[in-house]
């Protein structure tokens, strides 16, 4: 009976030891699972932020492309306007020179007429 009692006690001690070891192992698994869960949540958060940054970058890139096109259009229009202004200046110079020649001719004609009147008055 004493042998059975000792066997039973040894068996209970072994079960208790096994239970305590398993309990510690389970606790360490739960802490590991918590850590892995936190890490996976952090990784998901980082992935979503990276995706947001990618979309922001794409929108900024498209805005820059649109601005580049607009600047190119403005440069082309500026060049066209410079050419138009240059042509208008040339036309203005020609017009003013023709107008000056006409006015000069009229002044000379009037001067000549005035000279002819003077001759007629003397005669």
PDB file of N, CA and C in Angstrom:
ATOM      1  N   UNK A   1       0.801  -1.164   0.000  1.00  0.00           N
ATOM      2  CA  UNK A   1       0.000   0.000   0.000  1.00  0.00           C
ATOM      3  C   UNK A   1       0.866   1.259   0.000  1.00  0.00           C
ATOM      4  N   UNK A   2       1.914   1.223   0.723  1.00  0.00           N
ATOM      5  CA  UNK A   2       2.845   2.337   0.756  1.00  0.00           C
ATOM      6  C   UNK A   2       3.455   2.556  -0.621  1.00  0.00           C
ATOM      7  N   UNK A   3       3.723   1.483  -1.309  1.00  0.00           N
ATOM      8  CA  UNK A   3       4.270   1.597  -2.660  1.00  0.00           C
ATOM      9  C   UNK A   3       3.251   2.262  -3.577  1.00  0.00           C
ATOM     10  N   UNK A   4       2.013   1.858  -3.447  1.00  0.00           N
ATOM     11  CA  UNK A   4       0.968   2.445  -4.277  1.00  0.00           C
ATOM     12  C   UNK A   4       0.792   3.934  -3.950  1.00  0.00           C
ATOM     13  N   UNK A   5       0.857   4.231  -2.645  1.00  0.00           N
ATOM     14  CA  UNK A   5       0.735   5.606  -2.218  1.00  0.00           C
ATOM     15  C   UNK A   5       1.880   6.445  -2.796  1.00  0.00           C
ATOM     16  N   UNK A   6       3.110   5.929  -2.725  1.00  0.00           N
ATOM     17  CA  UNK A   6       4.265   6.638  -3.256  1.00  0.00           C
ATOM     18  C   UNK A   6       4.149   6.798  -4.777  1.00  0.00           C
ATOM     19  N   UNK A   7       3.679   5.750  -5.436  1.00  0.00           N
ATOM     20  CA  UNK A   7       3.496   5.844  -6.882  1.00  0.00           C
ATOM     21  C   UNK A   7       2.451   6.909  -7.230  1.00  0.00           C
ATOM     22  N   UNK A   8       1.374   6.883  -6.456  1.00  0.00           N
ATOM     23  CA  UNK A   8       0.324   7.845  -6.684  1.00  0.00           C
ATOM     24  C   UNK A   8       0.825   9.271  -6.440  1.00  0.00           C
ATOM     25  N   UNK A   9       1.620   9.467  -5.400  1.00  0.00           N
ATOM     26  CA  UNK A   9       2.185  10.779  -5.093  1.00  0.00           C
ATOM     27  C   UNK A   9       3.160  11.213  -6.198  1.00  0.00           C
ATOM     28  N   UNK A  10       3.994  10.308  -6.637  1.00  0.00           N
ATOM     29  CA  UNK A  10       4.922  10.612  -7.713  1.00  0.00           C
ATOM     30  C   UNK A  10       4.165  10.965  -8.995  1.00  0.00           C
ATOM     31  N   UNK A  11       3.108  10.209  -9.248  1.00  0.00           N
ATOM     32  CA  UNK A  11       2.309  10.487 -10.426  1.00  0.00           C
ATOM     33  C   UNK A  11       1.649  11.874 -10.320  1.00  0.00           C
ATOM     34  N   UNK A  12       1.150  12.226  -9.137  1.00  0.00           N
ATOM     35  CA  UNK A  12       0.526  13.532  -8.936  1.00  0.00           C
ATOM     36  C   UNK A  12       1.551  14.661  -9.080  1.00  0.00           C
ATOM     37  N   UNK A  13       2.751  14.443  -8.507  1.00  0.00           N
ATOM     38  CA  UNK A  13       3.810  15.439  -8.622  1.00  0.00           C
ATOM     39  C   UNK A  13       4.203  15.617 -10.092  1.00  0.00           C
ATOM     40  N   UNK A  14       4.295  14.512 -10.812  1.00  0.00           N
ATOM     41  CA  UNK A  14       4.652  14.581 -12.232  1.00  0.00           C
ATOM     42  C   UNK A  14       3.569  15.325 -13.007  1.00  0.00           C
ATOM     43  N   UNK A  15       2.294  15.042 -12.678  1.00  0.00           N
ATOM     44  CA  UNK A  15       1.190  15.725 -13.352  1.00  0.00           C
ATOM     45  C   UNK A  15       1.216  17.218 -13.035  1.00  0.00           C
ATOM     46  N   UNK A  16       1.467  17.533 -11.745  1.00  0.00           N
ATOM     47  CA  UNK A  16       1.553  18.941 -11.356  1.00  0.00           C
ATOM     48  C   UNK A  16       2.715  19.651 -12.062  1.00  0.00           C
ATOM     49  N   UNK A  17       3.857  19.001 -12.122  1.00  0.00           N
ATOM     50  CA  UNK A  17       5.005  19.571 -12.814  1.00  0.00           C
ATOM     51  C   UNK A  17       4.701  19.755 -14.303  1.00  0.00           C
ATOM     52  N   UNK A  18       4.104  18.726 -14.867  1.00  0.00           N
ATOM     53  CA  UNK A  18       3.762  18.801 -16.273  1.00  0.00           C
ATOM     54  C   UNK A  18       2.744  19.925 -16.522  1.00  0.00           C
ATOM     55  N   UNK A  19       1.757  20.039 -15.645  1.00  0.00           N
ATOM     56  CA  UNK A  19       0.755  21.089 -15.774  1.00  0.00           C
ATOM     57  C   UNK A  19       1.378  22.479 -15.637  1.00  0.00           C
ATOM     58  N   UNK A  20       2.291  22.635 -14.657  1.00  0.00           N
ATOM     59  CA  UNK A  20       2.924  23.950 -14.469  1.00  0.00           C
ATOM     60  C   UNK A  20       3.823  24.293 -15.654  1.00  0.00           C
ATOM     61  N   UNK A  21       4.537  23.288 -16.169  1.00  0.00           N
ATOM     62  CA  UNK A  21       5.387  23.530 -17.341  1.00  0.00           C
ATOM     63  C   UNK A  21       4.518  23.885 -18.539  1.00  0.00           C
ATOM     64  N   UNK A  22       3.426  23.156 -18.730  1.00  0.00           N
ATOM     65  CA  UNK A  22       2.526  23.435 -19.853  1.00  0.00           C
ATOM     66  C   UNK A  22       1.875  24.812 -19.691  1.00  0.00           C
ATOM     67  N   UNK A  23       1.532  25.159 -18.429  1.00  0.00           N
ATOM     68  CA  UNK A  23       0.928  26.464 -18.189  1.00  0.00           C
ATOM     69  C   UNK A  23       1.916  27.582 -18.540  1.00  0.00           C
ATOM     70  N   UNK A  24       3.179  27.444 -18.142  1.00  0.00           N
ATOM     71  CA  UNK A  24       4.209  28.422 -18.490  1.00  0.00           C
ATOM     72  C   UNK A  24       4.437  28.468 -19.987  1.00  0.00           C
ATOM     73  N   UNK A  25       4.414  27.311 -20.624  1.00  0.00           N
ATOM     74  CA  UNK A  25       4.587  27.266 -22.067  1.00  0.00           C
ATOM     75  C   UNK A  25       3.418  27.956 -22.768  1.00  0.00           C
ATOM     76  N   UNK A  26       2.209  27.711 -22.257  1.00  0.00           N
ATOM     77  CA  UNK A  26       1.030  28.352 -22.838  1.00  0.00           C
ATOM     78  C   UNK A  26       1.077  29.859 -22.631  1.00  0.00           C
ATOM     79  N   UNK A  27       1.559  30.264 -21.462  1.00  0.00           N
ATOM     80  CA  UNK A  27       1.670  31.698 -21.206  1.00  0.00           C
ATOM     81  C   UNK A  27       2.694  32.320 -22.146  1.00  0.00           C
ATOM     82  N   UNK A  28       3.814  31.606 -22.321  1.00  0.00           N
ATOM     83  CA  UNK A  28       4.818  32.154 -23.225  1.00  0.00           C
ATOM     84  C   UNK A  28       4.284  32.173 -24.653  1.00  0.00           C
ATOM     85  N   UNK A  29       3.467  31.196 -25.031  1.00  0.00           N
ATOM     86  CA  UNK A  29       2.844  31.209 -26.351  1.00  0.00           C
ATOM     87  C   UNK A  29       1.886  32.388 -26.468  1.00  0.00           C
ATOM     88  N   UNK A  30       1.142  32.664 -25.425  1.00  0.00           N
ATOM     89  CA  UNK A  30       0.193  33.768 -25.517  1.00  0.00           C
ATOM     90  C   UNK A  30       0.930  35.108 -25.626  1.00  0.00           C
ATOM     91  N   UNK A  31       2.050  35.261 -24.912  1.00  0.00           N
ATOM     92  CA  UNK A  31       2.816  36.500 -25.059  1.00  0.00           C
ATOM     93  C   UNK A  31       3.433  36.579 -26.450  1.00  0.00           C
ATOM     94  N   UNK A  32       3.893  35.440 -26.954  1.00  0.00           N
ATOM     95  CA  UNK A  32       4.438  35.423 -28.313  1.00  0.00           C
ATOM     96  C   UNK A  32       3.349  35.742 -29.337  1.00  0.00           C
ATOM     97  N   UNK A  33       2.155  35.166 -29.101  1.00  0.00           N
ATOM     98  CA  UNK A  33       1.052  35.455 -30.005  1.00  0.00           C
ATOM     99  C   UNK A  33       0.677  36.936 -29.944  1.00  0.00           C
ATOM    100  N   UNK A  34       0.692  37.520 -28.747  1.00  0.00           N
ATOM    101  CA  UNK A  34       0.406  38.948 -28.606  1.00  0.00           C
ATOM    102  C   UNK A  34       1.437  39.785 -29.366  1.00  0.00           C
ATOM    103  N   UNK A  35       2.712  39.414 -29.198  1.00  0.00           N
ATOM    104  CA  UNK A  35       3.761  40.142 -29.899  1.00  0.00           C
ATOM    105  C   UNK A  35       3.608  40.015 -31.414  1.00  0.00           C
ATOM    106  N   UNK A  36       3.322  38.791 -31.877  1.00  0.00           N
ATOM    107  CA  UNK A  36       3.145  38.587 -33.314  1.00  0.00           C
ATOM    108  C   UNK A  36       1.929  39.358 -33.829  1.00  0.00           C
ATOM    109  N   UNK A  37       0.882  39.398 -33.034  1.00  0.00           N
ATOM    110  CA  UNK A  37      -0.304  40.157 -33.434  1.00  0.00           C
ATOM    111  C   UNK A  37       0.016  41.644 -33.526  1.00  0.00           C
ATOM    112  N   UNK A  38       0.727  42.164 -32.532  1.00  0.00           N
ATOM    113  CA  UNK A  38       1.112  43.580 -32.555  1.00  0.00           C
ATOM    114  C   UNK A  38       1.999  43.884 -33.754  1.00  0.00           C
ATOM    115  N   UNK A  39       2.940  42.972 -34.028  1.00  0.00           N
ATOM    116  CA  UNK A  39       3.832  43.163 -35.175  1.00  0.00           C
ATOM    117  C   UNK A  39       3.034  43.147 -36.478  1.00  0.00           C
ATOM    118  N   UNK A  40       2.095  42.201 -36.602  1.00  0.00           N
ATOM    119  CA  UNK A  40       1.312  42.143 -37.843  1.00  0.00           C
ATOM    120  C   UNK A  40       0.437  43.381 -37.993  1.00  0.00           C
ATOM    121  N   UNK A  41      -0.099  43.898 -36.873  1.00  0.00           N
ATOM    122  CA  UNK A  41      -0.888  45.135 -36.934  1.00  0.00           C
ATOM    123  C   UNK A  41      -0.001  46.293 -37.374  1.00  0.00           C
ATOM    124  N   UNK A  42       1.209  46.365 -36.824  1.00  0.00           N
ATOM    125  CA  UNK A  42       2.141  47.432 -37.213  1.00  0.00           C
ATOM    126  C   UNK A  42       2.512  47.326 -38.686  1.00  0.00           C
ATOM    127  N   UNK A  43       2.731  46.114 -39.152  1.00  0.00           N
ATOM    128  CA  UNK A  43       3.080  45.916 -40.564  1.00  0.00           C
ATOM    129  C   UNK A  43       1.914  46.338 -41.462  1.00  0.00           C
ATOM    130  N   UNK A  44       0.695  45.987 -41.078  1.00  0.00           N
ATOM    131  CA  UNK A  44      -0.477  46.401 -41.861  1.00  0.00           C
ATOM    132  C   UNK A  44      -0.603  47.923 -41.880  1.00  0.00           C
ATOM    133  N   UNK A  45      -0.353  48.552 -40.739  1.00  0.00           N
ATOM    134  CA  UNK A  45      -0.414  50.018 -40.653  1.00  0.00           C
ATOM    135  C   UNK A  45       0.621  50.654 -41.572  1.00  0.00           C
ATOM    136  N   UNK A  46       1.826  50.096 -41.549  1.00  0.00           N
ATOM    137  CA  UNK A  46       2.900  50.608 -42.412  1.00  0.00           C
ATOM    138  C   UNK A  46       2.532  50.412 -43.884  1.00  0.00           C
ATOM    139  N   UNK A  47       1.961  49.250 -44.219  1.00  0.00           N
ATOM    140  CA  UNK A  47       1.566  48.996 -45.610  1.00  0.00           C
ATOM    141  C   UNK A  47       0.508  49.985 -46.069  1.00  0.00           C
ATOM    142  N   UNK A  48      -0.478  50.251 -45.229  1.00  0.00           N
ATOM    143  CA  UNK A  48      -1.522  51.197 -45.630  1.00  0.00           C
ATOM    144  C   UNK A  48      -0.950  52.602 -45.791  1.00  0.00           C
ATOM    145  N   UNK A  49      -0.037  52.990 -44.907  1.00  0.00           N
ATOM    146  CA  UNK A  49       0.588  54.312 -45.040  1.00  0.00           C
ATOM    147  C   UNK A  49       1.432  54.396 -46.305  1.00  0.00           C
ATOM    148  N   UNK A  50       2.114  53.326 -46.649  1.00  0.00           N
ATOM    149  CA  UNK A  50       2.904  53.304 -47.876  1.00  0.00           C
ATOM    150  C   UNK A  50       1.980  53.436 -49.085  1.00  0.00           C
ATOM    151  N   UNK A  51       0.845  52.752 -49.062  1.00  0.00           N
ATOM    152  CA  UNK A  51      -0.114  52.861 -50.165  1.00  0.00           C
ATOM    153  C   UNK A  51      -0.654  54.282 -50.271  1.00  0.00           C
ATOM    154  N   UNK A  52      -0.946  54.908 -49.133  1.00  0.00           N
ATOM    155  CA  UNK A  52      -1.410  56.302 -49.148  1.00  0.00           C
ATOM    156  C   UNK A  52      -0.338  57.221 -49.722  1.00  0.00           C
ATOM    157  N   UNK A  53       0.914  56.976 -49.337  1.00  0.00           N
ATOM    158  CA  UNK A  53       2.006  57.790 -49.877  1.00  0.00           C
ATOM    159  C   UNK A  53       2.148  57.593 -51.379  1.00  0.00           C
ATOM    160  N   UNK A  54       1.962  56.359 -51.844  1.00  0.00           N
ATOM    161  CA  UNK A  54       2.036  56.098 -53.280  1.00  0.00           C
ATOM    162  C   UNK A  54       0.948  56.852 -54.025  1.00  0.00           C
ATOM    163  N   UNK A  55      -0.278  56.813 -53.496  1.00  0.00           N
ATOM    164  CA  UNK A  55      -1.364  57.532 -54.173  1.00  0.00           C
ATOM    165  C   UNK A  55      -1.127  59.038 -54.124  1.00  0.00           C
ATOM    166  N   UNK A  56      -0.635  59.544 -52.991  1.00  0.00           N
ATOM    167  CA  UNK A  56      -0.310  60.973 -52.903  1.00  0.00           C
ATOM    168  C   UNK A  56       0.768  61.337 -53.908  1.00  0.00           C
ATOM    169  N   UNK A  57       1.783  60.493 -54.024  1.00  0.00           N
ATOM    170  CA  UNK A  57       2.868  60.752 -54.972  1.00  0.00           C
ATOM    171  C   UNK A  57       2.340  60.757 -56.402  1.00  0.00           C
ATOM    172  N   UNK A  58       1.448  59.805 -56.714  1.00  0.00           N
ATOM    173  CA  UNK A  58       0.890  59.759 -58.068  1.00  0.00           C
ATOM    174  C   UNK A  58       0.075  61.007 -58.356  1.00  0.00           C
ATOM    175  N   UNK A  59      -0.704  61.465 -57.383  1.00  0.00           N
ATOM    176  CA  UNK A  59      -1.501  62.673 -57.618  1.00  0.00           C
ATOM    177  C   UNK A  59      -0.597  63.891 -57.777  1.00  0.00           C
ATOM    178  N   UNK A  60       0.448  63.980 -56.966  1.00  0.00           N
ATOM    179  CA  UNK A  60       1.399  65.089 -57.090  1.00  0.00           C
ATOM    180  C   UNK A  60       2.100  65.030 -58.441  1.00  0.00           C
ATOM    181  N   UNK A  61       2.453  63.828 -58.857  1.00  0.00           N
ATOM    182  CA  UNK A  61       3.121  63.671 -60.144  1.00  0.00           C
ATOM    183  C   UNK A  61       2.199  64.090 -61.293  1.00  0.00           C
ATOM    184  N   UNK A  62       0.925  63.718 -61.220  1.00  0.00           N
ATOM    185  CA  UNK A  62      -0.004  64.123 -62.280  1.00  0.00           C
ATOM    186  C   UNK A  62      -0.214  65.637 -62.260  1.00  0.00           C
ATOM    187  N   UNK A  63      -0.265  66.246 -61.065  1.00  0.00           N
ATOM    188  CA  UNK A  63      -0.394  67.693 -60.977  1.00  0.00           C
ATOM    189  C   UNK A  63       0.830  68.387 -61.576  1.00  0.00           C
ATOM    190  N   UNK A  64       2.012  67.843 -61.320  1.00  0.00           N
ATOM    191  CA  UNK A  64       3.223  68.421 -61.894  1.00  0.00           C
ATOM    192  C   UNK A  64       3.225  68.289 -63.413  1.00  0.00           C
ATOM    193  N   UNK A  65       2.735  67.166 -63.908  1.00  0.00           N
ATOM    194  CA  UNK A  65       2.654  66.985 -65.360  1.00  0.00           C
ATOM    195  C   UNK A  65       1.696  68.008 -65.964  1.00  0.00           C
ATOM    196  N   UNK A  66       0.552  68.212 -65.303  1.00  0.00           N
ATOM    197  CA  UNK A  66      -0.406  69.219 -65.793  1.00  0.00           C
ATOM    198  C   UNK A  66       0.205  70.619 -65.747  1.00  0.00           C
ATOM    199  N   UNK A  67       0.914  70.935 -64.669  1.00  0.00           N
ATOM    200  CA  UNK A  67       1.555  72.247 -64.573  1.00  0.00           C
ATOM    201  C   UNK A  67       2.624  72.417 -65.648  1.00  0.00           C
ATOM    202  N   UNK A  68       3.349  71.359 -65.927  1.00  0.00           N
ATOM    203  CA  UNK A  68       4.364  71.422 -66.981  1.00  0.00           C
ATOM    204  C   UNK A  68       3.721  71.716 -68.329  1.00  0.00           C
ATOM    205  N   UNK A  69       2.590  71.075 -68.605  1.00  0.00           N
ATOM    206  CA  UNK A  69       1.884  71.339 -69.861  1.00  0.00           C
ATOM    207  C   UNK A  69       1.396  72.778 -69.915  1.00  0.00           C
ATOM    208  N   UNK A  70       0.866  73.269 -68.797  1.00  0.00           N
ATOM    209  CA  UNK A  70       0.374  74.647 -68.770  1.00  0.00           C
ATOM    210  C   UNK A  70       1.506  75.642 -68.981  1.00  0.00           C
ATOM    211  N   UNK A  71       2.663  75.389 -68.350  1.00  0.00           N
ATOM    212  CA  UNK A  71       3.803  76.289 -68.511  1.00  0.00           C
ATOM    213  C   UNK A  71       4.272  76.267 -69.963  1.00  0.00           C
ATOM    214  N   UNK A  72       4.291  75.091 -70.575  1.00  0.00           N
ATOM    215  CA  UNK A  72       4.685  74.991 -71.976  1.00  0.00           C
ATOM    216  C   UNK A  72       3.721  75.782 -72.860  1.00  0.00           C
ATOM    217  N   UNK A  73       2.423  75.661 -72.580  1.00  0.00           N
ATOM    218  CA  UNK A  73       1.433  76.435 -73.355  1.00  0.00           C
ATOM    219  C   UNK A  73       1.643  77.935 -73.181  1.00  0.00           C
ATOM    220  N   UNK A  74       1.903  78.352 -71.954  1.00  0.00           N
ATOM    221  CA  UNK A  74       2.130  79.783 -71.702  1.00  0.00           C
ATOM    222  C   UNK A  74       3.386  80.259 -72.431  1.00  0.00           C
ATOM    223  N   UNK A  75       4.437  79.457 -72.426  1.00  0.00           N
ATOM    224  CA  UNK A  75       5.658  79.831 -73.139  1.00  0.00           C
ATOM    225  C   UNK A  75       5.386  79.972 -74.638  1.00  0.00           C
ATOM    226  N   UNK A  76       4.619  79.037 -75.196  1.00  0.00           N
ATOM    227  CA  UNK A  76       4.292  79.116 -76.621  1.00  0.00           C
ATOM    228  C   UNK A  76       3.469  80.363 -76.925  1.00  0.00           C
ATOM    229  N   UNK A  77       2.497  80.643 -76.081  1.00  0.00           N
ATOM    230  CA  UNK A  77       1.675  81.836 -76.294  1.00  0.00           C
ATOM    231  C   UNK A  77       2.522  83.103 -76.173  1.00  0.00           C
ATOM    232  N   UNK A  78       3.445  83.106 -75.218  1.00  0.00           N
ATOM    233  CA  UNK A  78       4.312  84.264 -75.049  1.00  0.00           C
ATOM    234  C   UNK A  78       5.156  84.483 -76.300  1.00  0.00           C
ATOM    235  N   UNK A  79       5.693  83.413 -76.844  1.00  0.00           N
ATOM    236  CA  UNK A  79       6.483  83.521 -78.071  1.00  0.00           C
ATOM    237  C   UNK A  79       5.626  84.062 -79.216  1.00  0.00           C
ATOM    238  N   UNK A  80       4.394  83.545 -79.329  1.00  0.00           N
ATOM    239  CA  UNK A  80       3.497  84.036 -80.385  1.00  0.00           C
ATOM    240  C   UNK A  80       3.182  85.513 -80.182  1.00  0.00           C
ATOM    241  N   UNK A  81       2.910  85.915 -78.949  1.00  0.00           N
ATOM    242  CA  UNK A  81       2.617  87.324 -78.682  1.00  0.00           C
ATOM    243  C   UNK A  81       3.823  88.216 -78.954  1.00  0.00           C
ATOM    244  N   UNK A  82       5.020  87.740 -78.633  1.00  0.00           N
ATOM    245  CA  UNK A  82       6.224  88.517 -78.943  1.00  0.00           C
ATOM    246  C   UNK A  82       6.345  88.732 -80.449  1.00  0.00           C
ATOM    247  N   UNK A  83       6.065  87.676 -81.219  1.00  0.00           N
ATOM    248  CA  UNK A  83       6.119  87.807 -82.680  1.00  0.00           C
ATOM    249  C   UNK A  83       5.071  88.788 -83.179  1.00  0.00           C
ATOM    250  N   UNK A  84       3.869  88.719 -82.631  1.00  0.00           N
ATOM    251  CA  UNK A  84       2.799  89.639 -83.045  1.00  0.00           C
ATOM    252  C   UNK A  84       3.190  91.078 -82.721  1.00  0.00           C
ATOM    253  N   UNK A  85       3.717  91.294 -81.511  1.00  0.00           N
ATOM    254  CA  UNK A  85       4.128  92.652 -81.114  1.00  0.00           C
ATOM    255  C   UNK A  85       5.241  93.154 -82.027  1.00  0.00           C
ATOM    256  N   UNK A  86       6.201  92.288 -82.348  1.00  0.00           N
ATOM    257  CA  UNK A  86       7.280  92.679 -83.255  1.00  0.00           C
ATOM    258  C   UNK A  86       6.718  93.077 -84.619  1.00  0.00           C
ATOM    259  N   UNK A  87       5.771  92.275 -85.116  1.00  0.00           N
ATOM    260  CA  UNK A  87       5.156  92.603 -86.409  1.00  0.00           C
ATOM    261  C   UNK A  87       4.383  93.916 -86.338  1.00  0.00           C
ATOM    262  N   UNK A  88       3.669  94.140 -85.238  1.00  0.00           N
ATOM    263  CA  UNK A  88       2.947  95.407 -85.086  1.00  0.00           C
ATOM    264  C   UNK A  88       3.899  96.592 -85.030  1.00  0.00           C
ATOM    265  N   UNK A  89       5.025  96.418 -84.352  1.00  0.00           N
ATOM    266  CA  UNK A  89       6.019  97.501 -84.307  1.00  0.00           C
ATOM    267  C   UNK A  89       6.542  97.803 -85.703  1.00  0.00           C
ATOM    268  N   UNK A  90       6.797  96.773 -86.480  1.00  0.00           N
ATOM    269  CA  UNK A  90       7.274  96.994 -87.852  1.00  0.00           C
ATOM    270  C   UNK A  90       6.199  97.691 -88.690  1.00  0.00           C
ATOM    271  N   UNK A  91       4.950  97.240 -88.556  1.00  0.00           N
ATOM    272  CA  UNK A  91       3.861  97.880 -89.296  1.00  0.00           C
ATOM    273  C   UNK A  91       3.731  99.342 -88.869  1.00  0.00           C
ATOM    274  N   UNK A  92       3.854  99.578 -87.563  1.00  0.00           N
ATOM    275  CA  UNK A  92       3.763 100.943 -87.041  1.00  0.00           C
ATOM    276  C   UNK A  92       4.888 101.816 -87.604  1.00  0.00           C
ATOM    277  N   UNK A  93       6.088 101.282 -87.679  1.00  0.00           N
ATOM    278  CA  UNK A  93       7.208 102.046 -88.242  1.00  0.00           C
ATOM    279  C   UNK A  93       6.936 102.383 -89.706  1.00  0.00           C
ATOM    280  N   UNK A  94       6.461 101.390 -90.467  1.00  0.00           N
ATOM    281  CA  UNK A  94       6.153 101.646 -91.875  1.00  0.00           C
ATOM    282  C   UNK A  94       5.047 102.690 -92.004  1.00  0.00           C
ATOM    283  N   UNK A  95       4.003 102.520 -91.202  1.00  0.00           N
ATOM    284  CA  UNK A  95       2.886 103.463 -91.266  1.00  0.00           C
ATOM    285  C   UNK A  95       3.337 104.871 -90.912  1.00  0.00           C
ATOM    286  N   UNK A  96       4.124 104.987 -89.831  1.00  0.00           N
ATOM    287  CA  UNK A  96       4.595 106.317 -89.431  1.00  0.00           C
ATOM    288  C   UNK A  96       5.522 106.922 -90.475  1.00  0.00           C
ATOM    289  N   UNK A  97       6.344 106.091 -91.089  1.00  0.00           N
ATOM    290  CA  UNK A  97       7.241 106.639 -92.113  1.00  0.00           C
ATOM    291  C   UNK A  97       6.436 107.088 -93.332  1.00  0.00           C
ATOM    292  N   UNK A  98       5.413 106.309 -93.723  1.00  0.00           N
ATOM    293  CA  UNK A  98       4.565 106.716 -94.852  1.00  0.00           C
ATOM    294  C   UNK A  98       3.793 107.986 -94.500  1.00  0.00           C
ATOM    295  N   UNK A  99       3.254 108.032 -93.265  1.00  0.00           N
ATOM    296  CA  UNK A  99       2.519 109.212 -92.817  1.00  0.00           C
ATOM    297  C   UNK A  99       3.426 110.447 -92.779  1.00  0.00           C
ATOM    298  N   UNK A 100       4.662 110.236 -92.300  1.00  0.00           N
ATOM    299  CA  UNK A 100       5.613 111.353 -92.259  1.00  0.00           C
ATOM    300  C   UNK A 100       5.938 111.824 -93.673  1.00  0.00           C
ATOM    301  N   UNK A 101       6.068 110.910 -94.609  1.00  0.00           N
ATOM    302  CA  UNK A 101       6.351 111.291 -95.996  1.00  0.00           C
ATOM    303  C   UNK A 101       5.182 112.066 -96.585  1.00  0.00           C
ATOM    304  N   UNK A 102       3.951 111.600 -96.277  1.00  0.00           N
ATOM    305  CA  UNK A 102       2.770 112.307 -96.798  1.00  0.00           C
ATOM    306  C   UNK A 102       2.690 113.715 -96.204  1.00  0.00           C
ATOM    307  N   UNK A 103       2.869 113.798 -94.893  1.00  0.00           N
ATOM    308  CA  UNK A 103       2.806 115.107 -94.241  1.00  0.00           C
ATOM    309  C   UNK A 103       3.924 116.008 -94.767  1.00  0.00           C
ATOM    310  N   UNK A 104       5.111 115.437 -94.899  1.00  0.00           N
ATOM    311  CA  UNK A 104       6.227 116.216 -95.455  1.00  0.00           C
ATOM    312  C   UNK A 104       5.925 116.695 -96.865  1.00  0.00           C
ATOM    313  N   UNK A 105       5.338 115.816 -97.670  1.00  0.00           N
ATOM    314  CA  UNK A 105       4.960 116.183 -99.031  1.00  0.00           C
ATOM    315  C   UNK A 105       3.917 117.286 -99.031  1.00  0.00           C
ATOM    316  N   UNK A 106       2.934 117.170 -98.126  1.00  0.00           N
ATOM    317  CA  UNK A 106       1.907 118.216 -98.042  1.00  0.00           C
ATOM    318  C   UNK A 106       2.508 119.549 -97.606  1.00  0.00           C
ATOM    319  N   UNK A 107       3.427 119.503 -96.672  1.00  0.00           N
ATOM    320  CA  UNK A 107       4.071 120.745 -96.214  1.00  0.00           C
ATOM    321  C   UNK A 107       4.867 121.364 -97.357  1.00  0.00           C
ATOM    322  N   UNK A 108       5.615 120.535 -98.059  1.00  0.00           N
ATOM    323  CA  UNK A 108       6.375 121.059 -99.199  1.00  0.00           C
ATOM    324  C   UNK A 108       5.440 121.604-100.285  1.00  0.00           C
ATOM    325  N   UNK A 109       4.345 120.892-100.506  1.00  0.00           N
ATOM    326  CA  UNK A 109       3.385 121.373-101.511  1.00  0.00           C
ATOM    327  C   UNK A 109       2.801 122.720-101.096  1.00  0.00           C
ATOM    328  N   UNK A 110       2.433 122.816 -99.810  1.00  0.00           N
ATOM    329  CA  UNK A 110       1.897 124.091 -99.320  1.00  0.00           C
ATOM    330  C   UNK A 110       2.952 125.196 -99.402  1.00  0.00           C
ATOM    331  N   UNK A 111       4.179 124.854 -99.104  1.00  0.00           N
ATOM    332  CA  UNK A 111       5.255 125.845 -99.177  1.00  0.00           C
ATOM    333  C   UNK A 111       5.440 126.321-100.612  1.00  0.00           C
ATOM    334  N   UNK A 112       5.349 125.341-101.536  1.00  0.00           N
ATOM    335  CA  UNK A 112       5.502 125.685-102.951  1.00  0.00           C
ATOM    336  C   UNK A 112       4.323 126.547-103.411  1.00  0.00           C
ATOM    337  N   UNK A 113       3.124 126.187-102.984  1.00  0.00           N
ATOM    338  CA  UNK A 113       1.941 126.995-103.346  1.00  0.00           C
ATOM    339  C   UNK A 113       2.048 128.402-102.782  1.00  0.00           C
ATOM    340  N   UNK A 114       2.534 128.453-101.530  1.00  0.00           N
ATOM    341  CA  UNK A 114       2.682 129.775-100.920  1.00  0.00           C
ATOM    342  C   UNK A 114       3.704 130.584-101.700  1.00  0.00           C
ATOM    343  N   UNK A 115       4.757 129.987-102.179  1.00  0.00           N
ATOM    344  CA  UNK A 115       5.748 130.662-102.992  1.00  0.00           C
ATOM    345  C   UNK A 115       5.184 131.127-104.308  1.00  0.00           C
ATOM    346  N   UNK A 116       4.294 130.299-104.910  1.00  0.00           N
ATOM    347  CA  UNK A 116       3.667 130.685-106.174  1.00  0.00           C
ATOM    348  C   UNK A 116       2.713 131.839-105.964  1.00  0.00           C
ATOM    349  N   UNK A 117       1.989 131.843-104.835  1.00  0.00           N
ATOM    350  CA  UNK A 117       1.103 132.981-104.559  1.00  0.00           C
ATOM    351  C   UNK A 117       1.872 134.261-104.401  1.00  0.00           C
ATOM    352  N   UNK A 118       3.011 134.175-103.818  1.00  0.00           N
ATOM    353  CA  UNK A 118       3.837 135.379-103.608  1.00  0.00           C
ATOM    354  C   UNK A 118       4.288 135.919-104.969  1.00  0.00           C
ATOM    355  N   UNK A 119       4.642 134.982-105.851  1.00  0.00           N
ATOM    356  CA  UNK A 119       5.069 135.443-107.178  1.00  0.00           C
ATOM    357  C   UNK A 119       3.910 136.098-107.916  1.00  0.00           C
ATOM    358  N   UNK A 120       2.708 135.487-107.765  1.00  0.00           N
ATOM    359  CA  UNK A 120       1.540 136.050-108.422  1.00  0.00           C
ATOM    360  C   UNK A 120       1.192 137.418-107.844  1.00  0.00           C
ATOM    361  N   UNK A 121       1.383 137.579-106.545  1.00  0.00           N
ATOM    362  CA  UNK A 121       1.084 138.866-105.909  1.00  0.00           C
ATOM    363  C   UNK A 121       2.044 139.943-106.384  1.00  0.00           C
ATOM    364  N   UNK A 122       3.246 139.628-106.661  1.00  0.00           N
ATOM    365  CA  UNK A 122       4.257 140.589-107.081  1.00  0.00           C
ATOM    366  C   UNK A 122       4.025 141.008-108.531  1.00  0.00           C
ATOM    367  N   UNK A 123       3.472 140.124-109.233  1.00  0.00           N
ATOM    368  CA  UNK A 123       3.336 140.458-110.656  1.00  0.00           C
ATOM    369  C   UNK A 123       2.190 141.347-110.945  1.00  0.00           C
TER     370      UNK A 123
END
